[in-house]
Amino acid sequence: MYTIRFSKAAEKHKKMLKQAGLEENARRLLNVISENPYQNSPPYEALVGNLKGFLSRRINIRHRLVYEVFEEEKTVRILSMQSHYENVR
């Protein structure tokens, strides 16, 4: 099991997802990630550019869950739960 930690931005996104009715979709992804952040169903993708080193999974067609994995600590930090094309760093 991996410990899930949220950035300040991701904490704000939680509220927006709840209002948009996407809370359950995000919760399912978080459960998968906490078990194995590299599990390939649902698929994930490695990001490039200024988000190189981060992974991403779709919450829906517009929103993505962007995260990074710290293997030694068995921790996953959720960076964003919105579109990863916005400035999330």
PDB file of N, CA and C in Angstrom:
ATOM      1  N   MET A   1       0.830  -1.195   0.000  1.00  0.00           N
ATOM      2  CA  MET A   1       0.000   0.000   0.000  1.00  0.00           C
ATOM      3  C   MET A   1       0.875   1.259   0.000  1.00  0.00           C
ATOM      4  N   TYR A   2       0.442   2.229  -0.751  1.00  0.00           N
ATOM      5  CA  TYR A   2       1.109   3.522  -0.822  1.00  0.00           C
ATOM      6  C   TYR A   2       0.273   4.546  -0.056  1.00  0.00           C
ATOM      7  N   THR A   3       0.936   5.467   0.595  1.00  0.00           N
ATOM      8  CA  THR A   3       0.268   6.574   1.265  1.00  0.00           C
ATOM      9  C   THR A   3       0.010   7.660   0.234  1.00  0.00           C
ATOM     10  N   ILE A   4      -1.200   8.193   0.246  1.00  0.00           N
ATOM     11  CA  ILE A   4      -1.572   9.259  -0.679  1.00  0.00           C
ATOM     12  C   ILE A   4      -1.461  10.594   0.055  1.00  0.00           C
ATOM     13  N   ARG A   5      -0.782  11.545  -0.574  1.00  0.00           N
ATOM     14  CA  ARG A   5      -0.672  12.913  -0.052  1.00  0.00           C
ATOM     15  C   ARG A   5      -1.127  13.861  -1.163  1.00  0.00           C
ATOM     16  N   PHE A   6      -1.751  14.951  -0.773  1.00  0.00           N
ATOM     17  CA  PHE A   6      -2.294  15.907  -1.736  1.00  0.00           C
ATOM     18  C   PHE A   6      -1.561  17.239  -1.656  1.00  0.00           C
ATOM     19  N   SER A   7      -1.254  17.814  -2.817  1.00  0.00           N
ATOM     20  CA  SER A   7      -0.716  19.177  -2.855  1.00  0.00           C
ATOM     21  C   SER A   7      -1.848  20.139  -2.490  1.00  0.00           C
ATOM     22  N   LYS A   8      -1.511  21.390  -2.229  1.00  0.00           N
ATOM     23  CA  LYS A   8      -2.538  22.391  -1.921  1.00  0.00           C
ATOM     24  C   LYS A   8      -3.522  22.541  -3.077  1.00  0.00           C
ATOM     25  N   ALA A   9      -2.988  22.520  -4.285  1.00  0.00           N
ATOM     26  CA  ALA A   9      -3.855  22.641  -5.467  1.00  0.00           C
ATOM     27  C   ALA A   9      -4.819  21.461  -5.556  1.00  0.00           C
ATOM     28  N   ALA A  10      -4.316  20.251  -5.313  1.00  0.00           N
ATOM     29  CA  ALA A  10      -5.169  19.063  -5.390  1.00  0.00           C
ATOM     30  C   ALA A  10      -6.258  19.098  -4.326  1.00  0.00           C
ATOM     31  N   GLU A  11      -5.950  19.646  -3.153  1.00  0.00           N
ATOM     32  CA  GLU A  11      -6.969  19.791  -2.106  1.00  0.00           C
ATOM     33  C   GLU A  11      -8.111  20.681  -2.605  1.00  0.00           C
ATOM     34  N   LYS A  12      -7.786  21.750  -3.298  1.00  0.00           N
ATOM     35  CA  LYS A  12      -8.815  22.636  -3.857  1.00  0.00           C
ATOM     36  C   LYS A  12      -9.608  21.929  -4.949  1.00  0.00           C
ATOM     37  N   HIS A  13      -8.910  21.119  -5.740  1.00  0.00           N
ATOM     38  CA  HIS A  13      -9.573  20.413  -6.843  1.00  0.00           C
ATOM     39  C   HIS A  13     -10.578  19.393  -6.329  1.00  0.00           C
ATOM     40  N   LYS A  14     -10.339  18.824  -5.148  1.00  0.00           N
ATOM     41  CA  LYS A  14     -11.286  17.862  -4.565  1.00  0.00           C
ATOM     42  C   LYS A  14     -12.679  18.472  -4.471  1.00  0.00           C
ATOM     43  N   LYS A  15     -12.751  19.705  -4.005  1.00  0.00           N
ATOM     44  CA  LYS A  15     -14.044  20.385  -3.847  1.00  0.00           C
ATOM     45  C   LYS A  15     -14.716  20.597  -5.197  1.00  0.00           C
ATOM     46  N   MET A  16     -13.934  20.977  -6.192  1.00  0.00           N
ATOM     47  CA  MET A  16     -14.489  21.214  -7.524  1.00  0.00           C
ATOM     48  C   MET A  16     -14.987  19.914  -8.150  1.00  0.00           C
ATOM     49  N   LEU A  17     -14.252  18.820  -7.916  1.00  0.00           N
ATOM     50  CA  LEU A  17     -14.691  17.529  -8.458  1.00  0.00           C
ATOM     51  C   LEU A  17     -15.995  17.090  -7.823  1.00  0.00           C
ATOM     52  N   LYS A  18     -16.115  17.337  -6.537  1.00  0.00           N
ATOM     53  CA  LYS A  18     -17.361  16.977  -5.843  1.00  0.00           C
ATOM     54  C   LYS A  18     -18.534  17.747  -6.436  1.00  0.00           C
ATOM     55  N   GLN A  19     -18.353  19.042  -6.659  1.00  0.00           N
ATOM     56  CA  GLN A  19     -19.407  19.871  -7.245  1.00  0.00           C
ATOM     57  C   GLN A  19     -19.756  19.421  -8.664  1.00  0.00           C
ATOM     58  N   ALA A  20     -18.770  18.910  -9.390  1.00  0.00           N
ATOM     59  CA  ALA A  20     -18.980  18.463 -10.773  1.00  0.00           C
ATOM     60  C   ALA A  20     -19.498  17.025 -10.848  1.00  0.00           C
ATOM     61  N   GLY A  21     -19.656  16.368  -9.700  1.00  0.00           N
ATOM     62  CA  GLY A  21     -20.148  14.987  -9.697  1.00  0.00           C
ATOM     63  C   GLY A  21     -19.090  13.968 -10.086  1.00  0.00           C
ATOM     64  N   LEU A  22     -17.808  14.321  -9.954  1.00  0.00           N
ATOM     65  CA  LEU A  22     -16.715  13.432 -10.357  1.00  0.00           C
ATOM     66  C   LEU A  22     -15.963  12.848  -9.166  1.00  0.00           C
ATOM     67  N   GLU A  23     -16.470  13.063  -7.974  1.00  0.00           N
ATOM     68  CA  GLU A  23     -15.790  12.610  -6.765  1.00  0.00           C
ATOM     69  C   GLU A  23     -15.593  11.095  -6.760  1.00  0.00           C
ATOM     70  N   GLU A  24     -16.605  10.348  -7.162  1.00  0.00           N
ATOM     71  CA  GLU A  24     -16.506   8.883  -7.148  1.00  0.00           C
ATOM     72  C   GLU A  24     -15.474   8.395  -8.169  1.00  0.00           C
ATOM     73  N   ASN A  25     -15.418   9.019  -9.348  1.00  0.00           N
ATOM     74  CA  ASN A  25     -14.409   8.644 -10.353  1.00  0.00           C
ATOM     75  C   ASN A  25     -13.007   8.838  -9.783  1.00  0.00           C
ATOM     76  N   ALA A  26     -12.796   9.985  -9.145  1.00  0.00           N
ATOM     77  CA  ALA A  26     -11.482  10.281  -8.560  1.00  0.00           C
ATOM     78  C   ALA A  26     -11.169   9.308  -7.432  1.00  0.00           C
ATOM     79  N   ARG A  27     -12.148   8.988  -6.607  1.00  0.00           N
ATOM     80  CA  ARG A  27     -11.935   8.064  -5.496  1.00  0.00           C
ATOM     81  C   ARG A  27     -11.519   6.680  -5.999  1.00  0.00           C
ATOM     82  N   ARG A  28     -12.147   6.217  -7.072  1.00  0.00           N
ATOM     83  CA  ARG A  28     -11.766   4.908  -7.642  1.00  0.00           C
ATOM     84  C   ARG A  28     -10.314   4.919  -8.104  1.00  0.00           C
ATOM     85  N   LEU A  29      -9.910   5.995  -8.772  1.00  0.00           N
ATOM     86  CA  LEU A  29      -8.517   6.104  -9.222  1.00  0.00           C
ATOM     87  C   LEU A  29      -7.556   6.154  -8.043  1.00  0.00           C
ATOM     88  N   LEU A  30      -7.905   6.887  -7.014  1.00  0.00           N
ATOM     89  CA  LEU A  30      -7.046   6.971  -5.828  1.00  0.00           C
ATOM     90  C   LEU A  30      -6.890   5.606  -5.163  1.00  0.00           C
ATOM     91  N   ASN A  31      -7.948   4.812  -5.156  1.00  0.00           N
ATOM     92  CA  ASN A  31      -7.861   3.448  -4.601  1.00  0.00           C
ATOM     93  C   ASN A  31      -6.899   2.589  -5.413  1.00  0.00           C
ATOM     94  N   VAL A  32      -6.980   2.683  -6.731  1.00  0.00           N
ATOM     95  CA  VAL A  32      -6.066   1.935  -7.601  1.00  0.00           C
ATOM     96  C   VAL A  32      -4.629   2.371  -7.344  1.00  0.00           C
ATOM     97  N   ILE A  33      -4.405   3.680  -7.310  1.00  0.00           N
ATOM     98  CA  ILE A  33      -3.061   4.227  -7.130  1.00  0.00           C
ATOM     99  C   ILE A  33      -2.488   3.845  -5.773  1.00  0.00           C
ATOM    100  N   SER A  34      -3.319   3.823  -4.752  1.00  0.00           N
ATOM    101  CA  SER A  34      -2.814   3.464  -3.419  1.00  0.00           C
ATOM    102  C   SER A  34      -2.380   2.004  -3.365  1.00  0.00           C
ATOM    103  N   GLU A  35      -3.004   1.154  -4.168  1.00  0.00           N
ATOM    104  CA  GLU A  35      -2.608  -0.260  -4.245  1.00  0.00           C
ATOM    105  C   GLU A  35      -1.345  -0.433  -5.078  1.00  0.00           C
ATOM    106  N   ASN A  36      -1.353   0.183  -6.268  1.00  0.00           N
ATOM    107  CA  ASN A  36      -0.227   0.063  -7.191  1.00  0.00           C
ATOM    108  C   ASN A  36      -0.286   1.224  -8.180  1.00  0.00           C
ATOM    109  N   PRO A  37       0.552   2.242  -7.998  1.00  0.00           N
ATOM    110  CA  PRO A  37       0.486   3.408  -8.882  1.00  0.00           C
ATOM    111  C   PRO A  37       0.856   3.124 -10.334  1.00  0.00           C
ATOM    112  N   TYR A  38       1.385   1.930 -10.593  1.00  0.00           N
ATOM    113  CA  TYR A  38       1.774   1.561 -11.964  1.00  0.00           C
ATOM    114  C   TYR A  38       0.808   0.554 -12.589  1.00  0.00           C
ATOM    115  N   GLN A  39      -0.265   0.209 -11.892  1.00  0.00           N
ATOM    116  CA  GLN A  39      -1.253  -0.726 -12.442  1.00  0.00           C
ATOM    117  C   GLN A  39      -1.800  -0.146 -13.734  1.00  0.00           C
ATOM    118  N   ASN A  40      -1.896  -0.979 -14.756  1.00  0.00           N
ATOM    119  CA  ASN A  40      -2.238  -0.473 -16.076  1.00  0.00           C
ATOM    120  C   ASN A  40      -3.696  -0.642 -16.458  1.00  0.00           C
ATOM    121  N   SER A  41      -4.541  -0.817 -15.519  1.00  0.00           N
ATOM    122  CA  SER A  41      -5.966  -0.765 -15.806  1.00  0.00           C
ATOM    123  C   SER A  41      -6.641  -0.084 -14.634  1.00  0.00           C
ATOM    124  N   PRO A  42      -7.119   1.115 -14.774  1.00  0.00           N
ATOM    125  CA  PRO A  42      -7.150   1.931 -15.982  1.00  0.00           C
ATOM    126  C   PRO A  42      -5.755   2.424 -16.378  1.00  0.00           C
ATOM    127  N   PRO A  43      -5.586   2.696 -17.653  1.00  0.00           N
ATOM    128  CA  PRO A  43      -4.250   3.064 -18.135  1.00  0.00           C
ATOM    129  C   PRO A  43      -3.757   4.390 -17.566  1.00  0.00           C
ATOM    130  N   TYR A  44      -2.458   4.490 -17.470  1.00  0.00           N
ATOM    131  CA  TYR A  44      -1.814   5.736 -17.073  1.00  0.00           C
ATOM    132  C   TYR A  44      -0.817   6.105 -18.148  1.00  0.00           C
ATOM    133  N   GLU A  45      -0.367   7.346 -18.116  1.00  0.00           N
ATOM    134  CA  GLU A  45       0.670   7.754 -19.060  1.00  0.00           C
ATOM    135  C   GLU A  45       1.727   8.560 -18.330  1.00  0.00           C
ATOM    136  N   ALA A  46       2.952   8.410 -18.766  1.00  0.00           N
ATOM    137  CA  ALA A  46       4.053   9.207 -18.248  1.00  0.00           C
ATOM    138  C   ALA A  46       4.026  10.544 -18.973  1.00  0.00           C
ATOM    139  N   LEU A  47       4.093  11.628 -18.225  1.00  0.00           N
ATOM    140  CA  LEU A  47       4.027  12.958 -18.820  1.00  0.00           C
ATOM    141  C   LEU A  47       5.419  13.404 -19.275  1.00  0.00           C
ATOM    142  N   VAL A  48       5.445  14.374 -20.158  1.00  0.00           N
ATOM    143  CA  VAL A  48       6.693  14.893 -20.712  1.00  0.00           C
ATOM    144  C   VAL A  48       6.747  16.397 -20.507  1.00  0.00           C
ATOM    145  N   GLY A  49       7.806  17.001 -20.953  1.00  0.00           N
ATOM    146  CA  GLY A  49       7.949  18.450 -20.838  1.00  0.00           C
ATOM    147  C   GLY A  49       8.182  18.867 -19.401  1.00  0.00           C
ATOM    148  N   ASN A  50       7.519  19.951 -18.979  1.00  0.00           N
ATOM    149  CA  ASN A  50       7.743  20.443 -17.616  1.00  0.00           C
ATOM    150  C   ASN A  50       7.127  19.543 -16.549  1.00  0.00           C
ATOM    151  N   LEU A  51       6.363  18.541 -16.954  1.00  0.00           N
ATOM    152  CA  LEU A  51       5.799  17.569 -16.010  1.00  0.00           C
ATOM    153  C   LEU A  51       6.470  16.196 -16.135  1.00  0.00           C
ATOM    154  N   LYS A  52       7.653  16.169 -16.720  1.00  0.00           N
ATOM    155  CA  LYS A  52       8.384  14.915 -16.851  1.00  0.00           C
ATOM    156  C   LYS A  52       8.617  14.309 -15.456  1.00  0.00           C
ATOM    157  N   GLY A  53       8.399  13.021 -15.343  1.00  0.00           N
ATOM    158  CA  GLY A  53       8.539  12.337 -14.060  1.00  0.00           C
ATOM    159  C   GLY A  53       7.207  12.121 -13.359  1.00  0.00           C
ATOM    160  N   PHE A  54       6.155  12.781 -13.848  1.00  0.00           N
ATOM    161  CA  PHE A  54       4.825  12.625 -13.282  1.00  0.00           C
ATOM    162  C   PHE A  54       4.023  11.641 -14.128  1.00  0.00           C
ATOM    163  N   LEU A  55       3.018  11.049 -13.518  1.00  0.00           N
ATOM    164  CA  LEU A  55       2.113  10.144 -14.204  1.00  0.00           C
ATOM    165  C   LEU A  55       0.723  10.758 -14.205  1.00  0.00           C
ATOM    166  N   SER A  56      -0.113  10.316 -15.139  1.00  0.00           N
ATOM    167  CA  SER A  56      -1.435  10.896 -15.285  1.00  0.00           C
ATOM    168  C   SER A  56      -2.446   9.805 -15.617  1.00  0.00           C
ATOM    169  N   ARG A  57      -3.639   9.942 -15.039  1.00  0.00           N
ATOM    170  CA  ARG A  57      -4.775   9.060 -15.368  1.00  0.00           C
ATOM    171  C   ARG A  57      -6.003   9.942 -15.574  1.00  0.00           C
ATOM    172  N   ARG A  58      -6.874   9.505 -16.459  1.00  0.00           N
ATOM    173  CA  ARG A  58      -8.088  10.271 -16.751  1.00  0.00           C
ATOM    174  C   ARG A  58      -9.142  10.074 -15.657  1.00  0.00           C
ATOM    175  N   ILE A  59      -9.675  11.203 -15.183  1.00  0.00           N
ATOM    176  CA  ILE A  59     -10.860  11.174 -14.325  1.00  0.00           C
ATOM    177  C   ILE A  59     -12.089  11.174 -15.230  1.00  0.00           C
ATOM    178  N   ASN A  60     -12.052  12.030 -16.225  1.00  0.00           N
ATOM    179  CA  ASN A  60     -13.050  12.049 -17.299  1.00  0.00           C
ATOM    180  C   ASN A  60     -12.362  12.618 -18.536  1.00  0.00           C
ATOM    181  N   ILE A  61     -13.116  13.004 -19.527  1.00  0.00           N
ATOM    182  CA  ILE A  61     -12.522  13.471 -20.777  1.00  0.00           C
ATOM    183  C   ILE A  61     -11.680  14.732 -20.577  1.00  0.00           C
ATOM    184  N   ARG A  62     -12.038  15.570 -19.620  1.00  0.00           N
ATOM    185  CA  ARG A  62     -11.338  16.840 -19.418  1.00  0.00           C
ATOM    186  C   ARG A  62     -10.330  16.790 -18.276  1.00  0.00           C
ATOM    187  N   HIS A  63     -10.686  16.139 -17.191  1.00  0.00           N
ATOM    188  CA  HIS A  63      -9.860  16.180 -15.981  1.00  0.00           C
ATOM    189  C   HIS A  63      -8.962  14.950 -15.877  1.00  0.00           C
ATOM    190  N   ARG A  64      -7.776  15.221 -15.348  1.00  0.00           N
ATOM    191  CA  ARG A  64      -6.802  14.152 -15.131  1.00  0.00           C
ATOM    192  C   ARG A  64      -6.277  14.232 -13.707  1.00  0.00           C
ATOM    193  N   LEU A  65      -5.907  13.093 -13.202  1.00  0.00           N
ATOM    194  CA  LEU A  65      -5.253  13.000 -11.913  1.00  0.00           C
ATOM    195  C   LEU A  65      -3.759  12.895 -12.194  1.00  0.00           C
ATOM    196  N   VAL A  66      -2.985  13.871 -11.764  1.00  0.00           N
ATOM    197  CA  VAL A  66      -1.544  13.926 -12.022  1.00  0.00           C
ATOM    198  C   VAL A  66      -0.828  13.655 -10.706  1.00  0.00           C
ATOM    199  N   TYR A  67       0.128  12.715 -10.734  1.00  0.00           N
ATOM    200  CA  TYR A  67       0.786  12.320  -9.493  1.00  0.00           C
ATOM    201  C   TYR A  67       2.231  11.920  -9.730  1.00  0.00           C
ATOM    202  N   GLU A  68       2.973  11.903  -8.623  1.00  0.00           N
ATOM    203  CA  GLU A  68       4.342  11.404  -8.663  1.00  0.00           C
ATOM    204  C   GLU A  68       4.496  10.370  -7.558  1.00  0.00           C
ATOM    205  N   VAL A  69       5.377   9.409  -7.802  1.00  0.00           N
ATOM    206  CA  VAL A  69       5.567   8.287  -6.886  1.00  0.00           C
ATOM    207  C   VAL A  69       6.940   8.393  -6.233  1.00  0.00           C
ATOM    208  N   PHE A  70       6.962   8.205  -4.924  1.00  0.00           N
ATOM    209  CA  PHE A  70       8.204   8.158  -4.147  1.00  0.00           C
ATOM    210  C   PHE A  70       8.325   6.735  -3.607  1.00  0.00           C
ATOM    211  N   GLU A  71       9.087   5.909  -4.327  1.00  0.00           N
ATOM    212  CA  GLU A  71       9.170   4.486  -4.006  1.00  0.00           C
ATOM    213  C   GLU A  71       9.735   4.214  -2.615  1.00  0.00           C
ATOM    214  N   GLU A  72      10.798   4.897  -2.252  1.00  0.00           N
ATOM    215  CA  GLU A  72      11.433   4.615  -0.962  1.00  0.00           C
ATOM    216  C   GLU A  72      10.478   4.851   0.198  1.00  0.00           C
ATOM    217  N   GLU A  73       9.650   5.876   0.095  1.00  0.00           N
ATOM    218  CA  GLU A  73       8.708   6.200   1.160  1.00  0.00           C
ATOM    219  C   GLU A  73       7.360   5.508   0.974  1.00  0.00           C
ATOM    220  N   LYS A  74       7.173   4.853  -0.173  1.00  0.00           N
ATOM    221  CA  LYS A  74       5.882   4.241  -0.521  1.00  0.00           C
ATOM    222  C   LYS A  74       4.778   5.293  -0.423  1.00  0.00           C
ATOM    223  N   THR A  75       5.042   6.436  -1.073  1.00  0.00           N
ATOM    224  CA  THR A  75       4.122   7.566  -1.041  1.00  0.00           C
ATOM    225  C   THR A  75       3.824   8.024  -2.461  1.00  0.00           C
ATOM    226  N   VAL A  76       2.595   8.442  -2.677  1.00  0.00           N
ATOM    227  CA  VAL A  76       2.180   9.047  -3.937  1.00  0.00           C
ATOM    228  C   VAL A  76       1.687  10.450  -3.612  1.00  0.00           C
ATOM    229  N   ARG A  77       2.245  11.443  -4.297  1.00  0.00           N
ATOM    230  CA  ARG A  77       1.795  12.821  -4.109  1.00  0.00           C
ATOM    231  C   ARG A  77       0.914  13.196  -5.281  1.00  0.00           C
ATOM    232  N   ILE A  78      -0.314  13.553  -4.987  1.00  0.00           N
ATOM    233  CA  ILE A  78      -1.255  13.997  -6.011  1.00  0.00           C
ATOM    234  C   ILE A  78      -0.997  15.479  -6.242  1.00  0.00           C
ATOM    235  N   LEU A  79      -0.607  15.796  -7.451  1.00  0.00           N
ATOM    236  CA  LEU A  79      -0.280  17.177  -7.807  1.00  0.00           C
ATOM    237  C   LEU A  79      -1.525  17.946  -8.223  1.00  0.00           C
ATOM    238  N   SER A  80      -2.376  17.292  -9.014  1.00  0.00           N
ATOM    239  CA  SER A  80      -3.532  17.983  -9.579  1.00  0.00           C
ATOM    240  C   SER A  80      -4.626  16.985  -9.895  1.00  0.00           C
ATOM    241  N   MET A  81      -5.864  17.468  -9.854  1.00  0.00           N
ATOM    242  CA  MET A  81      -7.006  16.661 -10.275  1.00  0.00           C
ATOM    243  C   MET A  81      -7.857  17.483 -11.238  1.00  0.00           C
ATOM    244  N   GLN A  82      -7.173  18.231 -12.094  1.00  0.00           N
ATOM    245  CA  GLN A  82      -7.794  18.999 -13.158  1.00  0.00           C
ATOM    246  C   GLN A  82      -7.031  18.695 -14.436  1.00  0.00           C
ATOM    247  N   SER A  83      -7.258  19.505 -15.434  1.00  0.00           N
ATOM    248  CA  SER A  83      -6.523  19.339 -16.673  1.00  0.00           C
ATOM    249  C   SER A  83      -5.034  19.549 -16.418  1.00  0.00           C
ATOM    250  N   HIS A  84      -4.175  18.653 -16.910  1.00  0.00           N
ATOM    251  CA  HIS A  84      -2.747  18.828 -16.694  1.00  0.00           C
ATOM    252  C   HIS A  84      -2.122  19.835 -17.650  1.00  0.00           C
ATOM    253  N   TYR A  85      -2.948  20.396 -18.525  1.00  0.00           N
ATOM    254  CA  TYR A  85      -2.447  21.421 -19.435  1.00  0.00           C
ATOM    255  C   TYR A  85      -2.409  22.789 -18.772  1.00  0.00           C
ATOM    256  N   GLU A  86      -3.069  22.900 -17.630  1.00  0.00           N
ATOM    257  CA  GLU A  86      -3.007  24.151 -16.879  1.00  0.00           C
ATOM    258  C   GLU A  86      -1.727  24.137 -16.071  1.00  0.00           C
ATOM    259  N   ASN A  87      -1.315  25.272 -15.585  1.00  0.00           N
ATOM    260  CA  ASN A  87      -0.093  25.356 -14.784  1.00  0.00           C
ATOM    261  C   ASN A  87      -0.358  24.756 -13.408  1.00  0.00           C
ATOM    262  N   VAL A  88       0.200  23.574 -13.127  1.00  0.00           N
ATOM    263  CA  VAL A  88      -0.081  22.877 -11.878  1.00  0.00           C
ATOM    264  C   VAL A  88       1.112  22.841 -10.937  1.00  0.00           C
ATOM    265  N   ARG A  89       2.237  23.339 -11.319  1.00  0.00           N
ATOM    266  CA  ARG A  89       3.391  23.278 -10.424  1.00  0.00           C
ATOM    267  C   ARG A  89       3.388  24.374  -9.440  1.00  0.00           C
TER     268      ARG A  89
END
